[in-house]
Amino acid sequence: MDERELIFDCHEENPVLKKLHELYYGLLKHDGFGEIRIDIRILKRGQKEVILHSGKQYRFVVDYPPRMEAAKHGKEVLAK
């Protein structure tokens, strides 16, 4: 199973992906124009704030591995 399949298989357990999924299908059913925007901000202590905009704002704080932690686990890290 590749990473893409893992993300979509686990969306029931991930509140951000679950809400994005709900918004996406809600806009598809809507008879008219719709828009979804995603903002991601870096917070302290290994967290990011994810804000989904679609008429309302849905805010989530998610944990993410810092750059050094990601490098230890063999994940690709982009250099500045």
Foldseek 3Di string as FASTA:
>chain_A
DDPVVVCVVCLVVPVVSVVVVVLVVVQVPDDDDWDWDWDWADDPDQWIWIWIDTPDIDIDIGGDDDQVRCVVVVHDDDDD
